[in-house]
């Protein structure tokens, strides 16, 4: 299945979860995840099933003034 991760296409196997998509990025914490513009708590990544065309955003915090 193909999803969009930070506006880039990502191919994952059928039945993939948000945790699978995060693992594919190798992004170092901390970051927040949103699926189709809805925040998903880290505790729900393994339980959040993905579907064809889903849009995932992984956002790292920015500090500064």
N, C-alpha and C. Protein backbone atom coordinates (compact mmCIF):
# COMPACT_ATOMS: atom_id res chain seq x y z
N UNK A 1 0.85 -1.17 0.00
CA UNK A 1 0.00 0.00 0.00
C UNK A 1 0.89 1.23 0.00
N UNK A 2 0.40 2.29 -0.58
CA UNK A 2 1.16 3.54 -0.59
C UNK A 2 0.48 4.57 0.30
N UNK A 3 1.29 5.18 1.17
CA UNK A 3 0.85 6.28 2.02
C UNK A 3 1.78 7.46 1.75
N UNK A 4 1.46 8.58 2.35
CA UNK A 4 2.30 9.77 2.22
C UNK A 4 2.86 10.09 3.59
N UNK A 5 4.17 10.21 3.67
CA UNK A 5 4.85 10.52 4.92
C UNK A 5 5.63 11.81 4.72
N UNK A 6 5.22 12.84 5.46
CA UNK A 6 5.82 14.17 5.30
C UNK A 6 5.87 14.57 3.83
N UNK A 7 4.77 14.35 3.15
CA UNK A 7 4.54 14.74 1.76
C UNK A 7 5.40 13.96 0.76
N UNK A 8 5.93 12.81 1.19
CA UNK A 8 6.70 11.93 0.31
C UNK A 8 6.02 10.57 0.27
N UNK A 9 5.96 9.93 -0.90
CA UNK A 9 5.34 8.61 -0.97
C UNK A 9 6.15 7.56 -0.22
N UNK A 10 5.45 6.66 0.43
CA UNK A 10 6.08 5.57 1.17
C UNK A 10 5.25 4.31 0.93
N UNK A 11 5.91 3.26 0.49
CA UNK A 11 5.23 2.00 0.25
C UNK A 11 5.43 1.09 1.46
N UNK A 12 4.32 0.60 1.99
CA UNK A 12 4.32 -0.29 3.15
C UNK A 12 3.50 -1.54 2.82
N UNK A 13 3.73 -2.63 3.52
CA UNK A 13 2.92 -3.83 3.28
C UNK A 13 1.49 -3.64 3.78
N UNK A 14 0.58 -4.40 3.20
CA UNK A 14 -0.81 -4.37 3.67
C UNK A 14 -0.84 -4.71 5.15
N UNK A 15 -1.71 -4.03 5.88
CA UNK A 15 -1.83 -4.26 7.32
C UNK A 15 -0.85 -3.47 8.15
N UNK A 16 -0.10 -2.57 7.53
CA UNK A 16 0.90 -1.78 8.26
C UNK A 16 0.22 -0.83 9.24
N UNK A 17 0.96 -0.49 10.28
CA UNK A 17 0.47 0.45 11.30
C UNK A 17 1.31 1.72 11.27
N UNK A 18 0.88 2.68 12.04
CA UNK A 18 1.64 3.92 12.16
C UNK A 18 3.04 3.62 12.70
N UNK A 19 3.17 2.67 13.59
CA UNK A 19 4.48 2.28 14.12
C UNK A 19 5.40 1.79 13.01
N UNK A 20 4.85 1.06 12.04
CA UNK A 20 5.65 0.60 10.90
C UNK A 20 6.15 1.77 10.06
N UNK A 21 5.30 2.75 9.85
CA UNK A 21 5.70 3.93 9.07
C UNK A 21 6.78 4.71 9.80
N UNK A 22 6.62 4.88 11.10
CA UNK A 22 7.62 5.59 11.90
C UNK A 22 8.95 4.85 11.83
N UNK A 23 8.94 3.53 11.96
CA UNK A 23 10.16 2.74 11.91
C UNK A 23 10.86 2.87 10.56
N UNK A 24 10.11 3.04 9.50
CA UNK A 24 10.69 3.17 8.16
C UNK A 24 11.46 4.47 7.99
N UNK A 25 11.17 5.46 8.81
CA UNK A 25 11.82 6.76 8.67
C UNK A 25 13.13 6.86 9.42
N UNK A 26 13.27 6.09 10.48
CA UNK A 26 14.44 6.17 11.36
C UNK A 26 14.61 7.57 11.94
N UNK A 27 13.52 8.28 12.11
CA UNK A 27 13.54 9.62 12.70
C UNK A 27 13.79 9.48 14.20
N UNK A 28 14.71 10.27 14.72
CA UNK A 28 15.04 10.21 16.15
C UNK A 28 14.03 11.03 16.95
N UNK A 29 13.58 10.51 18.09
CA UNK A 29 12.68 11.27 18.95
C UNK A 29 13.39 12.50 19.49
N UNK A 30 12.69 13.50 19.91
CA UNK A 30 11.23 13.56 20.04
C UNK A 30 10.58 14.05 18.75
N UNK A 31 9.36 13.59 18.54
CA UNK A 31 8.53 14.07 17.44
C UNK A 31 7.08 13.74 17.77
N UNK A 32 6.19 14.41 17.09
CA UNK A 32 4.76 14.14 17.22
C UNK A 32 4.28 13.59 15.88
N UNK A 33 3.23 12.76 15.93
CA UNK A 33 2.69 12.17 14.71
C UNK A 33 1.23 12.56 14.54
N UNK A 34 0.88 12.83 13.28
CA UNK A 34 -0.51 13.09 12.92
C UNK A 34 -0.86 12.20 11.74
N UNK A 35 -2.04 11.63 11.77
CA UNK A 35 -2.54 10.81 10.68
C UNK A 35 -3.78 11.49 10.13
N UNK A 36 -3.72 11.90 8.87
CA UNK A 36 -4.82 12.61 8.23
C UNK A 36 -5.26 13.81 9.09
N UNK A 37 -4.26 14.56 9.53
CA UNK A 37 -4.42 15.80 10.30
C UNK A 37 -4.93 15.60 11.73
N UNK A 38 -4.94 14.37 12.23
CA UNK A 38 -5.36 14.09 13.60
C UNK A 38 -4.15 13.60 14.40
N UNK A 39 -3.86 14.28 15.53
CA UNK A 39 -2.76 13.86 16.40
C UNK A 39 -2.99 12.43 16.89
N UNK A 40 -1.92 11.64 16.91
CA UNK A 40 -1.98 10.27 17.42
C UNK A 40 -0.96 10.15 18.55
N UNK A 41 -1.40 9.81 19.77
CA UNK A 41 -0.45 9.62 20.87
C UNK A 41 0.49 8.45 20.59
N UNK A 42 1.71 8.56 21.06
CA UNK A 42 2.72 7.52 20.83
C UNK A 42 2.21 6.15 21.30
N UNK A 43 1.45 6.12 22.37
CA UNK A 43 0.93 4.86 22.90
C UNK A 43 -0.02 4.16 21.93
N UNK A 44 -0.48 4.87 20.89
CA UNK A 44 -1.43 4.30 19.93
C UNK A 44 -0.81 3.93 18.59
N UNK A 45 0.49 4.18 18.41
CA UNK A 45 1.13 3.92 17.11
C UNK A 45 0.95 2.48 16.64
N UNK A 46 1.15 1.51 17.53
CA UNK A 46 1.07 0.11 17.12
C UNK A 46 -0.36 -0.34 16.86
N UNK A 47 -1.33 0.40 17.36
CA UNK A 47 -2.74 0.04 17.19
C UNK A 47 -3.42 0.83 16.08
N UNK A 48 -2.70 1.77 15.47
CA UNK A 48 -3.29 2.63 14.46
C UNK A 48 -3.01 2.07 13.07
N UNK A 49 -4.02 1.42 12.50
CA UNK A 49 -3.87 0.82 11.17
C UNK A 49 -3.86 1.90 10.09
N UNK A 50 -3.08 1.66 9.07
CA UNK A 50 -3.01 2.59 7.94
C UNK A 50 -3.82 2.06 6.76
N UNK A 51 -4.25 2.97 5.92
CA UNK A 51 -5.00 2.62 4.72
C UNK A 51 -4.35 3.31 3.52
N UNK A 52 -4.58 2.77 2.36
CA UNK A 52 -4.06 3.35 1.12
C UNK A 52 -4.36 4.84 1.06
N UNK A 53 -3.31 5.63 0.78
CA UNK A 53 -3.49 7.07 0.61
C UNK A 53 -3.46 7.89 1.89
N UNK A 54 -3.32 7.24 3.04
CA UNK A 54 -3.25 8.00 4.30
C UNK A 54 -2.10 8.99 4.25
N UNK A 55 -2.27 10.09 4.97
CA UNK A 55 -1.25 11.13 5.04
C UNK A 55 -0.75 11.21 6.48
N UNK A 56 0.55 10.98 6.63
CA UNK A 56 1.21 10.98 7.93
C UNK A 56 2.17 12.16 7.98
N UNK A 57 2.13 12.87 9.07
CA UNK A 57 3.09 13.95 9.31
C UNK A 57 3.82 13.66 10.60
N UNK A 58 5.14 13.65 10.55
CA UNK A 58 5.99 13.52 11.73
C UNK A 58 6.68 14.86 11.91
N UNK A 59 6.45 15.48 13.06
CA UNK A 59 6.93 16.84 13.29
C UNK A 59 7.82 16.87 14.52
N UNK A 60 9.04 17.35 14.32
CA UNK A 60 9.98 17.52 15.44
C UNK A 60 9.80 18.91 16.03
N UNK A 61 9.99 19.03 17.34
CA UNK A 61 9.85 20.35 17.95
C UNK A 61 11.00 21.29 17.52
N UNK A 62 10.67 22.56 17.49
CA UNK A 62 11.64 23.58 17.13
C UNK A 62 11.77 24.52 18.32
N UNK A 63 12.98 24.82 18.72
CA UNK A 63 13.18 25.73 19.82
C UNK A 63 13.81 27.02 19.30
N UNK A 64 13.70 28.03 20.09
CA UNK A 64 14.29 29.31 19.71
C UNK A 64 13.32 30.44 19.98
N UNK A 65 13.75 31.59 19.68
CA UNK A 65 12.91 32.73 20.00
C UNK A 65 12.61 33.53 18.83
